[in-house]
PDB file of all heavy atoms in Angstrom:
ATOM      1  N   ALA A   1       7.069  -1.043  -9.962  1.00  0.00           N
ATOM      2  CA  ALA A   1       7.087   0.259 -10.645  1.00  0.00           C
ATOM      3  C   ALA A   1       5.838   1.030 -10.251  1.00  0.00           C
ATOM      4  O   ALA A   1       4.701   0.492 -10.276  1.00  0.00           O
ATOM      5  CB  ALA A   1       7.120   0.061 -12.154  1.00  0.00           C
ATOM      6  N   THR A   2       6.017   2.287  -9.867  1.00  0.00           N
ATOM      7  CA  THR A   2       4.876   3.129  -9.517  1.00  0.00           C
ATOM      8  C   THR A   2       4.066   3.426 -10.771  1.00  0.00           C
ATOM      9  O   THR A   2       4.543   3.451 -11.904  1.00  0.00           O
ATOM     10  CB  THR A   2       5.366   4.462  -8.901  1.00  0.00           C
ATOM     11  OG1 THR A   2       4.235   5.107  -8.308  1.00  0.00           O
ATOM     12  CG2 THR A   2       6.004   5.377  -9.921  1.00  0.00           C
ATOM     13  N   ARG A   3       2.766   3.604 -10.556  1.00  0.00           N
ATOM     14  CA  ARG A   3       1.804   3.853 -11.615  1.00  0.00           C
ATOM     15  C   ARG A   3       1.309   5.286 -11.522  1.00  0.00           C
ATOM     16  O   ARG A   3       1.530   5.979 -10.517  1.00  0.00           O
ATOM     17  CB  ARG A   3       0.614   2.893 -11.508  1.00  0.00           C
ATOM     18  CG  ARG A   3       0.976   1.435 -11.700  1.00  0.00           C
ATOM     19  CD  ARG A   3       0.002   0.513 -11.003  1.00  0.00           C
ATOM     20  NE  ARG A   3      -1.398   0.862 -11.237  1.00  0.00           N
ATOM     21  CZ  ARG A   3      -2.230   0.346 -12.155  1.00  0.00           C
ATOM     22  NH1 ARG A   3      -1.762  -0.626 -12.924  1.00  0.00           N
ATOM     23  NH2 ARG A   3      -3.468   0.716 -12.247  1.00  0.00           N
ATOM     24  N   SER A   4       0.638   5.718 -12.553  1.00  0.00           N
ATOM     25  CA  SER A   4       0.102   7.097 -12.567  1.00  0.00           C
ATOM     26  C   SER A   4      -0.943   7.308 -11.484  1.00  0.00           C
ATOM     27  O   SER A   4      -1.115   8.432 -10.996  1.00  0.00           O
ATOM     28  CB  SER A   4      -0.495   7.379 -13.932  1.00  0.00           C
ATOM     29  OG  SER A   4       0.462   7.306 -14.944  1.00  0.00           O
ATOM     30  N   ASP A   5      -1.631   6.235 -11.049  1.00  0.00           N
ATOM     31  CA  ASP A   5      -2.644   6.355 -10.005  1.00  0.00           C
ATOM     32  C   ASP A   5      -2.059   6.269  -8.593  1.00  0.00           C
ATOM     33  O   ASP A   5      -2.810   6.243  -7.619  1.00  0.00           O
ATOM     34  CB  ASP A   5      -3.754   5.299 -10.191  1.00  0.00           C
ATOM     35  CG  ASP A   5      -3.219   3.868 -10.135  1.00  0.00           C
ATOM     36  OD1 ASP A   5      -2.032   3.660  -9.793  1.00  0.00           O
ATOM     37  OD2 ASP A   5      -4.002   2.935 -10.406  1.00  0.00           O
ATOM     38  N   GLY A   6      -0.747   6.166  -8.506  1.00  0.00           N
ATOM     39  CA  GLY A   6      -0.080   6.120  -7.186  1.00  0.00           C
ATOM     40  C   GLY A   6       0.120   4.730  -6.655  1.00  0.00           C
ATOM     41  O   GLY A   6       0.842   4.551  -5.658  1.00  0.00           O
ATOM     42  N   LYS A   7      -0.520   3.746  -7.237  1.00  0.00           N
ATOM     43  CA  LYS A   7      -0.290   2.343  -6.819  1.00  0.00           C
ATOM     44  C   LYS A   7       0.959   1.791  -7.523  1.00  0.00           C
ATOM     45  O   LYS A   7       1.585   2.448  -8.352  1.00  0.00           O
ATOM     46  CB  LYS A   7      -1.503   1.500  -7.120  1.00  0.00           C
ATOM     47  CG  LYS A   7      -2.760   1.918  -6.373  1.00  0.00           C
ATOM     48  CD  LYS A   7      -3.946   1.021  -6.701  1.00  0.00           C
ATOM     49  CE  LYS A   7      -5.153   1.443  -5.905  1.00  0.00           C
ATOM     50  NZ  LYS A   7      -6.346   0.577  -6.174  1.00  0.00           N
ATOM     51  N   PHE A   8       1.359   0.576  -7.168  1.00  0.00           N
ATOM     52  CA  PHE A   8       2.519  -0.061  -7.750  1.00  0.00           C
ATOM     53  C   PHE A   8       2.104  -1.257  -8.653  1.00  0.00           C
ATOM     54  O   PHE A   8       1.158  -1.981  -8.304  1.00  0.00           O
ATOM     55  CB  PHE A   8       3.450  -0.608  -6.664  1.00  0.00           C
ATOM     56  CG  PHE A   8       4.268   0.439  -5.992  1.00  0.00           C
ATOM     57  CD1 PHE A   8       3.897   0.930  -4.741  1.00  0.00           C
ATOM     58  CD2 PHE A   8       5.412   0.933  -6.587  1.00  0.00           C
ATOM     59  CE1 PHE A   8       4.669   1.902  -4.100  1.00  0.00           C
ATOM     60  CE2 PHE A   8       6.193   1.893  -5.950  1.00  0.00           C
ATOM     61  CZ  PHE A   8       5.826   2.373  -4.717  1.00  0.00           C
ATOM     62  N   ASP A   9       2.782  -1.385  -9.737  1.00  0.00           N
ATOM     63  CA  ASP A   9       2.672  -2.604 -10.545  1.00  0.00           C
ATOM     64  C   ASP A   9       3.814  -3.507 -10.123  1.00  0.00           C
ATOM     65  O   ASP A   9       4.973  -3.097 -10.177  1.00  0.00           O
ATOM     66  CB  ASP A   9       2.790  -2.245 -12.050  1.00  0.00           C
ATOM     67  CG  ASP A   9       2.365  -3.382 -12.955  1.00  0.00           C
ATOM     68  OD1 ASP A   9       1.846  -4.423 -12.441  1.00  0.00           O
ATOM     69  OD2 ASP A   9       2.557  -3.253 -14.175  1.00  0.00           O
ATOM     70  N   PHE A  10       3.498  -4.736  -9.716  1.00  0.00           N
ATOM     71  CA  PHE A  10       4.491  -5.631  -9.167  1.00  0.00           C
ATOM     72  C   PHE A  10       4.552  -6.909  -9.937  1.00  0.00           C
ATOM     73  O   PHE A  10       3.553  -7.587 -10.140  1.00  0.00           O
ATOM     74  CB  PHE A  10       4.149  -5.898  -7.682  1.00  0.00           C
ATOM     75  CG  PHE A  10       5.010  -6.934  -7.012  1.00  0.00           C
ATOM     76  CD1 PHE A  10       6.400  -6.878  -7.092  1.00  0.00           C
ATOM     77  CD2 PHE A  10       4.446  -7.983  -6.290  1.00  0.00           C
ATOM     78  CE1 PHE A  10       7.195  -7.827  -6.481  1.00  0.00           C
ATOM     79  CE2 PHE A  10       5.243  -8.920  -5.668  1.00  0.00           C
ATOM     80  CZ  PHE A  10       6.613  -8.881  -5.748  1.00  0.00           C
ATOM     81  N   GLN A  11       5.751  -7.287 -10.364  1.00  0.00           N
ATOM     82  CA  GLN A  11       6.015  -8.553 -11.017  1.00  0.00           C
ATOM     83  C   GLN A  11       6.846  -9.417 -10.089  1.00  0.00           C
ATOM     84  O   GLN A  11       8.053  -9.196  -9.982  1.00  0.00           O
ATOM     85  CB  GLN A  11       6.730  -8.368 -12.360  1.00  0.00           C
ATOM     86  CG  GLN A  11       7.181  -9.664 -13.010  1.00  0.00           C
ATOM     87  CD  GLN A  11       6.019 -10.531 -13.446  1.00  0.00           C
ATOM     88  OE1 GLN A  11       5.221 -10.119 -14.278  1.00  0.00           O
ATOM     89  NE2 GLN A  11       5.916 -11.730 -12.904  1.00  0.00           N
ATOM     90  N   PRO A  12       6.228 -10.392  -9.382  1.00  0.00           N
ATOM     91  CA  PRO A  12       7.062 -11.275  -8.510  1.00  0.00           C
ATOM     92  C   PRO A  12       7.939 -12.171  -9.367  1.00  0.00           C
ATOM     93  O   PRO A  12       7.700 -12.369 -10.571  1.00  0.00           O
ATOM     94  CB  PRO A  12       6.022 -12.078  -7.769  1.00  0.00           C
ATOM     95  CG  PRO A  12       4.685 -11.386  -7.974  1.00  0.00           C
ATOM     96  CD  PRO A  12       4.812 -10.702  -9.287  1.00  0.00           C
ATOM     97  N   SER A  13       8.991 -12.694  -8.766  1.00  0.00           N
ATOM     98  CA  SER A  13       9.817 -13.655  -9.459  1.00  0.00           C
ATOM     99  C   SER A  13       9.122 -14.994  -9.492  1.00  0.00           C
ATOM    100  O   SER A  13       8.234 -15.306  -8.683  1.00  0.00           O
ATOM    101  CB  SER A  13      11.167 -13.817  -8.755  1.00  0.00           C
ATOM    102  OG  SER A  13      11.000 -14.477  -7.531  1.00  0.00           O
ATOM    103  N   GLN A  14       9.507 -15.836 -10.461  1.00  0.00           N
ATOM    104  CA  GLN A  14       8.936 -17.175 -10.524  1.00  0.00           C
ATOM    105  C   GLN A  14       9.394 -18.024  -9.345  1.00  0.00           C
ATOM    106  O   GLN A  14       8.672 -18.980  -8.961  1.00  0.00           O
ATOM    107  CB  GLN A  14       9.311 -17.870 -11.837  1.00  0.00           C
ATOM    108  CG  GLN A  14       8.581 -17.275 -13.041  1.00  0.00           C
ATOM    109  CD  GLN A  14       8.853 -18.070 -14.302  1.00  0.00           C
ATOM    110  OE1 GLN A  14       9.923 -18.663 -14.494  1.00  0.00           O
ATOM    111  NE2 GLN A  14       7.887 -18.095 -15.215  1.00  0.00           N
ATOM    112  N   THR A  15      10.522 -17.708  -8.738  1.00  0.00           N
ATOM    113  CA  THR A  15      10.980 -18.462  -7.616  1.00  0.00           C
ATOM    114  C   THR A  15      10.123 -18.243  -6.365  1.00  0.00           C
ATOM    115  O   THR A  15      10.127 -19.033  -5.427  1.00  0.00           O
ATOM    116  CB  THR A  15      12.446 -18.124  -7.248  1.00  0.00           C
ATOM    117  OG1 THR A  15      12.558 -16.701  -7.034  1.00  0.00           O
ATOM    118  CG2 THR A  15      13.379 -18.518  -8.369  1.00  0.00           C
ATOM    119  N   SER A  16       9.339 -17.155  -6.372  1.00  0.00           N
ATOM    120  CA  SER A  16       8.427 -16.892  -5.265  1.00  0.00           C
ATOM    121  C   SER A  16       7.200 -17.812  -5.312  1.00  0.00           C
ATOM    122  O   SER A  16       6.466 -17.936  -4.328  1.00  0.00           O
ATOM    123  CB  SER A  16       7.940 -15.438  -5.253  1.00  0.00           C
ATOM    124  OG  SER A  16       7.041 -15.221  -6.311  1.00  0.00           O
ATOM    125  N   GLY A  17       6.974 -18.423  -6.476  1.00  0.00           N
ATOM    126  CA  GLY A  17       5.790 -19.277  -6.656  1.00  0.00           C
ATOM    127  C   GLY A  17       4.580 -18.467  -7.068  1.00  0.00           C
ATOM    128  O   GLY A  17       3.503 -19.007  -7.256  1.00  0.00           O
ATOM    129  N   LYS A  18       4.767 -17.142  -7.270  1.00  0.00           N
ATOM    130  CA  LYS A  18       3.672 -16.263  -7.679  1.00  0.00           C
ATOM    131  C   LYS A  18       4.154 -15.385  -8.788  1.00  0.00           C
ATOM    132  O   LYS A  18       4.505 -14.244  -8.608  1.00  0.00           O
ATOM    133  CB  LYS A  18       3.204 -15.408  -6.492  1.00  0.00           C
ATOM    134  CG  LYS A  18       2.687 -16.209  -5.301  1.00  0.00           C
ATOM    135  CD  LYS A  18       2.283 -15.316  -4.165  1.00  0.00           C
ATOM    136  CE  LYS A  18       1.758 -16.091  -2.986  1.00  0.00           C
ATOM    137  NZ  LYS A  18       1.366 -15.219  -1.827  1.00  0.00           N
ATOM    138  N   SER A  19       4.163 -15.933  -9.979  1.00  0.00           N
ATOM    139  CA  SER A  19       4.780 -15.230 -11.118  1.00  0.00           C
ATOM    140  C   SER A  19       3.815 -14.298 -11.812  1.00  0.00           C
ATOM    141  O   SER A  19       4.239 -13.487 -12.632  1.00  0.00           O
ATOM    142  CB  SER A  19       5.331 -16.261 -12.113  1.00  0.00           C
ATOM    143  OG  SER A  19       4.286 -17.091 -12.613  1.00  0.00           O
ATOM    144  N   ALA A  20       2.494 -14.349 -11.506  1.00  0.00           N
ATOM    145  CA  ALA A  20       1.572 -13.485 -12.192  1.00  0.00           C
ATOM    146  C   ALA A  20       1.706 -12.027 -11.737  1.00  0.00           C
ATOM    147  O   ALA A  20       1.888 -11.797 -10.525  1.00  0.00           O
ATOM    148  CB  ALA A  20       0.128 -13.971 -11.977  1.00  0.00           C
ATOM    149  N   ARG A  21       1.681 -11.085 -12.628  1.00  0.00           N
ATOM    150  CA  ARG A  21       1.783  -9.677 -12.288  1.00  0.00           C
ATOM    151  C   ARG A  21       0.537  -9.231 -11.521  1.00  0.00           C
ATOM    152  O   ARG A  21      -0.573  -9.684 -11.785  1.00  0.00           O
ATOM    153  CB  ARG A  21       1.931  -8.863 -13.583  1.00  0.00           C
ATOM    154  CG  ARG A  21       2.289  -7.418 -13.346  1.00  0.00           C
ATOM    155  CD  ARG A  21       2.602  -6.717 -14.663  1.00  0.00           C
ATOM    156  NE  ARG A  21       3.723  -7.300 -15.359  1.00  0.00           N
ATOM    157  CZ  ARG A  21       4.235  -6.821 -16.491  1.00  0.00           C
ATOM    158  NH1 ARG A  21       3.717  -5.729 -17.021  1.00  0.00           N
ATOM    159  NH2 ARG A  21       5.269  -7.394 -17.054  1.00  0.00           N
ATOM    160  N   LYS A  22       0.721  -8.307 -10.563  1.00  0.00           N
ATOM    161  CA  LYS A  22      -0.414  -7.825  -9.811  1.00  0.00           C
ATOM    162  C   LYS A  22      -0.193  -6.377  -9.430  1.00  0.00           C
ATOM    163  O   LYS A  22       0.933  -5.846  -9.518  1.00  0.00           O
ATOM    164  CB  LYS A  22      -0.642  -8.667  -8.553  1.00  0.00           C
ATOM    165  CG  LYS A  22       0.502  -8.642  -7.554  1.00  0.00           C
ATOM    166  CD  LYS A  22       0.152  -9.494  -6.342  1.00  0.00           C
ATOM    167  CE  LYS A  22       1.239  -9.427  -5.272  1.00  0.00           C
ATOM    168  NZ  LYS A  22       0.873 -10.221  -4.056  1.00  0.00           N
ATOM    169  N   ILE A  23      -1.258  -5.722  -8.975  1.00  0.00           N
ATOM    170  CA  ILE A  23      -1.180  -4.335  -8.528  1.00  0.00           C
ATOM    171  C   ILE A  23      -1.239  -4.307  -7.026  1.00  0.00           C
ATOM    172  O   ILE A  23      -2.095  -5.008  -6.411  1.00  0.00           O
ATOM    173  CB  ILE A  23      -2.340  -3.528  -9.143  1.00  0.00           C
ATOM    174  CG1 ILE A  23      -2.280  -3.532 -10.669  1.00  0.00           C
ATOM    175  CG2 ILE A  23      -2.327  -2.066  -8.611  1.00  0.00           C
ATOM    176  CD1 ILE A  23      -3.478  -2.906 -11.335  1.00  0.00           C
ATOM    177  N   VAL A  24      -0.370  -3.552  -6.394  1.00  0.00           N
ATOM    178  CA  VAL A  24      -0.369  -3.416  -4.951  1.00  0.00           C
ATOM    179  C   VAL A  24      -0.518  -1.930  -4.637  1.00  0.00           C
ATOM    180  O   VAL A  24      -0.061  -1.059  -5.374  1.00  0.00           O
ATOM    181  CB  VAL A  24       0.898  -3.972  -4.301  1.00  0.00           C
ATOM    182  CG1 VAL A  24       0.988  -5.479  -4.517  1.00  0.00           C
ATOM    183  CG2 VAL A  24       2.156  -3.300  -4.874  1.00  0.00           C
ATOM    184  N   SER A  25      -1.181  -1.646  -3.497  1.00  0.00           N
ATOM    185  CA  SER A  25      -1.459  -0.262  -3.145  1.00  0.00           C
ATOM    186  C   SER A  25      -0.260   0.509  -2.683  1.00  0.00           C
ATOM    187  O   SER A  25      -0.095   1.700  -2.907  1.00  0.00           O
ATOM    188  CB  SER A  25      -2.565  -0.166  -2.096  1.00  0.00           C
ATOM    189  OG  SER A  25      -2.164  -0.884  -0.926  1.00  0.00           O
ATOM    190  N   ASN A  26       0.686  -0.223  -1.989  1.00  0.00           N
ATOM    191  CA  ASN A  26       1.907   0.441  -1.563  1.00  0.00           C
ATOM    192  C   ASN A  26       2.977  -0.607  -1.332  1.00  0.00           C
ATOM    193  O   ASN A  26       2.710  -1.809  -1.369  1.00  0.00           O
ATOM    194  CB  ASN A  26       1.669   1.286  -0.315  1.00  0.00           C
ATOM    195  CG  ASN A  26       1.023   0.467   0.791  1.00  0.00           C
ATOM    196  OD1 ASN A  26       1.585  -0.503   1.235  1.00  0.00           O
ATOM    197  ND2 ASN A  26      -0.163   0.873   1.228  1.00  0.00           N
ATOM    198  N   ALA A  27       4.180  -0.152  -1.034  1.00  0.00           N
ATOM    199  CA  ALA A  27       5.321  -1.069  -0.915  1.00  0.00           C
ATOM    200  C   ALA A  27       5.305  -1.808   0.421  1.00  0.00           C
ATOM    201  O   ALA A  27       6.186  -2.639   0.653  1.00  0.00           O
ATOM    202  CB  ALA A  27       6.639  -0.303  -1.052  1.00  0.00           C
ATOM    203  N   SER A  28       4.373  -1.519   1.290  1.00  0.00           N
ATOM    204  CA  SER A  28       4.344  -2.190   2.584  1.00  0.00           C
ATOM    205  C   SER A  28       3.471  -3.432   2.592  1.00  0.00           C
ATOM    206  O   SER A  28       3.280  -4.083   3.598  1.00  0.00           O
ATOM    207  CB  SER A  28       3.839  -1.218   3.646  1.00  0.00           C
ATOM    208  OG  SER A  28       2.501  -0.869   3.403  1.00  0.00           O
ATOM    209  N   GLU A  29       2.908  -3.804   1.424  1.00  0.00           N
ATOM    210  CA  GLU A  29       2.076  -4.993   1.346  1.00  0.00           C
ATOM    211  C   GLU A  29       2.896  -6.255   1.540  1.00  0.00           C
ATOM    212  O   GLU A  29       4.100  -6.247   1.506  1.00  0.00           O
ATOM    213  CB  GLU A  29       1.301  -5.008   0.034  1.00  0.00           C
ATOM    214  CG  GLU A  29       0.318  -3.876  -0.103  1.00  0.00           C
ATOM    215  CD  GLU A  29      -0.829  -4.185  -1.042  1.00  0.00           C
ATOM    216  OE1 GLU A  29      -0.957  -5.358  -1.448  1.00  0.00           O
ATOM    217  OE2 GLU A  29      -1.576  -3.251  -1.389  1.00  0.00           O
ATOM    218  N   SER A  30       2.177  -7.368   1.706  1.00  0.00           N
ATOM    219  CA  SER A  30       2.829  -8.640   1.964  1.00  0.00           C
ATOM    220  C   SER A  30       3.890  -8.968   0.909  1.00  0.00           C
ATOM    221  O   SER A  30       3.641  -8.876  -0.283  1.00  0.00           O
ATOM    222  CB  SER A  30       1.795  -9.741   2.025  1.00  0.00           C
ATOM    223  OG  SER A  30       2.362 -10.989   2.232  1.00  0.00           O
ATOM    224  N   ASP A  31       5.066  -9.409   1.384  1.00  0.00           N
ATOM    225  CA  ASP A  31       6.173  -9.720   0.515  1.00  0.00           C
ATOM    226  C   ASP A  31       6.152 -11.226   0.207  1.00  0.00           C
ATOM    227  O   ASP A  31       6.275 -12.038   1.113  1.00  0.00           O
ATOM    228  CB  ASP A  31       7.483  -9.326   1.202  1.00  0.00           C
ATOM    229  CG  ASP A  31       8.667  -9.379   0.239  1.00  0.00           C
ATOM    230  OD1 ASP A  31       8.599 -10.067  -0.804  1.00  0.00           O
ATOM    231  OD2 ASP A  31       9.680  -8.749   0.554  1.00  0.00           O
ATOM    232  N   PRO A  32       6.030 -11.615  -1.072  1.00  0.00           N
ATOM    233  CA  PRO A  32       5.995 -13.037  -1.421  1.00  0.00           C
ATOM    234  C   PRO A  32       7.373 -13.691  -1.429  1.00  0.00           C
ATOM    235  O   PRO A  32       7.487 -14.928  -1.596  1.00  0.00           O
ATOM    236  CB  PRO A  32       5.383 -13.035  -2.818  1.00  0.00           C
ATOM    237  CG  PRO A  32       5.875 -11.760  -3.422  1.00  0.00           C
ATOM    238  CD  PRO A  32       5.843 -10.772  -2.282  1.00  0.00           C
ATOM    239  N   GLY A  33       8.436 -12.886  -1.298  1.00  0.00           N
ATOM    240  CA  GLY A  33       9.780 -13.462  -1.301  1.00  0.00           C
ATOM    241  C   GLY A  33      10.269 -13.762  -2.706  1.00  0.00           C
ATOM    242  O   GLY A  33       9.751 -13.245  -3.699  1.00  0.00           O
ATOM    243  N   GLY A  34      11.279 -14.660  -2.790  1.00  0.00           N
ATOM    244  CA  GLY A  34      11.823 -15.024  -4.071  1.00  0.00           C
ATOM    245  C   GLY A  34      12.750 -13.947  -4.608  1.00  0.00           C
ATOM    246  O   GLY A  34      12.737 -13.616  -5.774  1.00  0.00           O
ATOM    247  N   GLY A  35      13.532 -13.340  -3.689  1.00  0.00           N
ATOM    248  CA  GLY A  35      14.318 -12.177  -4.044  1.00  0.00           C
ATOM    249  C   GLY A  35      15.637 -12.422  -4.743  1.00  0.00           C
ATOM    250  O   GLY A  35      15.958 -13.540  -5.129  1.00  0.00           O
ATOM    251  N   SER A  36      16.386 -11.359  -4.870  1.00  0.00           N
ATOM    252  CA  SER A  36      17.707 -11.348  -5.450  1.00  0.00           C
ATOM    253  C   SER A  36      18.645 -10.739  -4.411  1.00  0.00           C
ATOM    254  O   SER A  36      18.220  -9.907  -3.611  1.00  0.00           O
ATOM    255  CB  SER A  36      17.719 -10.523  -6.720  1.00  0.00           C
ATOM    256  OG  SER A  36      19.036 -10.329  -7.199  1.00  0.00           O
ATOM    257  N   LEU A  37      19.893 -11.144  -4.403  1.00  0.00           N
ATOM    258  CA  LEU A  37      20.842 -10.595  -3.406  1.00  0.00           C
ATOM    259  C   LEU A  37      20.978  -9.096  -3.613  1.00  0.00           C
ATOM    260  O   LEU A  37      21.019  -8.335  -2.628  1.00  0.00           O
ATOM    261  CB  LEU A  37      22.195 -11.277  -3.555  1.00  0.00           C
ATOM    262  CG  LEU A  37      23.327 -10.749  -2.658  1.00  0.00           C
ATOM    263  CD1 LEU A  37      22.975 -10.980  -1.207  1.00  0.00           C
ATOM    264  CD2 LEU A  37      24.653 -11.430  -2.990  1.00  0.00           C
ATOM    265  N   LEU A  38      21.029  -8.641  -4.847  1.00  0.00           N
ATOM    266  CA  LEU A  38      21.162  -7.218  -5.182  1.00  0.00           C
ATOM    267  C   LEU A  38      19.921  -6.727  -5.902  1.00  0.00           C
ATOM    268  O   LEU A  38      19.294  -7.480  -6.645  1.00  0.00           O
ATOM    269  CB  LEU A  38      22.386  -6.975  -6.056  1.00  0.00           C
ATOM    270  CG  LEU A  38      23.733  -7.444  -5.505  1.00  0.00           C
ATOM    271  CD1 LEU A  38      24.816  -7.273  -6.577  1.00  0.00           C
ATOM    272  CD2 LEU A  38      24.120  -6.645  -4.277  1.00  0.00           C
ATOM    273  N   SER A  39      19.583  -5.458  -5.681  1.00  0.00           N
ATOM    274  CA  SER A  39      18.465  -4.852  -6.393  1.00  0.00           C
ATOM    275  C   SER A  39      18.840  -3.416  -6.725  1.00  0.00           C
ATOM    276  O   SER A  39      19.403  -2.707  -5.899  1.00  0.00           O
ATOM    277  CB  SER A  39      17.200  -4.813  -5.513  1.00  0.00           C
ATOM    278  OG  SER A  39      16.787  -6.111  -5.155  1.00  0.00           O
ATOM    279  N   PHE A  40      18.536  -3.015  -7.948  1.00  0.00           N
ATOM    280  CA  PHE A  40      18.712  -1.608  -8.381  1.00  0.00           C
ATOM    281  C   PHE A  40      17.390  -0.872  -8.120  1.00  0.00           C
ATOM    282  O   PHE A  40      16.327  -1.485  -8.124  1.00  0.00           O
ATOM    283  CB  PHE A  40      19.101  -1.526  -9.842  1.00  0.00           C
ATOM    284  CG  PHE A  40      20.458  -2.071 -10.135  1.00  0.00           C
ATOM    285  CD1 PHE A  40      20.631  -3.261 -10.811  1.00  0.00           C
ATOM    286  CD2 PHE A  40      21.600  -1.344  -9.774  1.00  0.00           C
ATOM    287  CE1 PHE A  40      21.917  -3.760 -11.085  1.00  0.00           C
ATOM    288  CE2 PHE A  40      22.880  -1.824 -10.028  1.00  0.00           C
ATOM    289  CZ  PHE A  40      23.022  -3.029 -10.696  1.00  0.00           C
ATOM    290  N   TRP A  41      17.492   0.452  -7.935  1.00  0.00           N
ATOM    291  CA  TRP A  41      16.318   1.229  -7.683  1.00  0.00           C
ATOM    292  C   TRP A  41      16.499   2.657  -8.167  1.00  0.00           C
ATOM    293  O   TRP A  41      17.597   3.157  -8.329  1.00  0.00           O
ATOM    294  CB  TRP A  41      15.959   1.234  -6.165  1.00  0.00           C
ATOM    295  CG  TRP A  41      17.137   1.570  -5.240  1.00  0.00           C
ATOM    296  CD1 TRP A  41      17.950   0.721  -4.613  1.00  0.00           C
ATOM    297  CD2 TRP A  41      17.611   2.910  -4.899  1.00  0.00           C
ATOM    298  NE1 TRP A  41      18.893   1.388  -3.868  1.00  0.00           N
ATOM    299  CE2 TRP A  41      18.711   2.717  -4.006  1.00  0.00           C
ATOM    300  CE3 TRP A  41      17.215   4.203  -5.210  1.00  0.00           C
ATOM    301  CZ2 TRP A  41      19.398   3.814  -3.482  1.00  0.00           C
ATOM    302  CZ3 TRP A  41      17.889   5.273  -4.674  1.00  0.00           C
ATOM    303  CH2 TRP A  41      18.973   5.044  -3.814  1.00  0.00           C
ATOM    304  N   VAL A  42      15.351   3.303  -8.388  1.00  0.00           N
ATOM    305  CA  VAL A  42      15.295   4.732  -8.688  1.00  0.00           C
ATOM    306  C   VAL A  42      14.209   5.294  -7.786  1.00  0.00           C
ATOM    307  O   VAL A  42      13.101   4.793  -7.722  1.00  0.00           O
ATOM    308  CB  VAL A  42      14.968   5.028 -10.148  1.00  0.00           C
ATOM    309  CG1 VAL A  42      14.690   6.532 -10.326  1.00  0.00           C
ATOM    310  CG2 VAL A  42      16.137   4.640 -11.041  1.00  0.00           C
TER     311      VAL A  42
END
């Protein structure tokens, strides 16, 4: 989810092995995986 400061708040899945929430500067940062077949977006 985008934040007011322009960065993203990211909650990885527990299947990625990195379940702690973190802030990323943009969507091009390293992907920890642990995805879903389908994803909704706005």
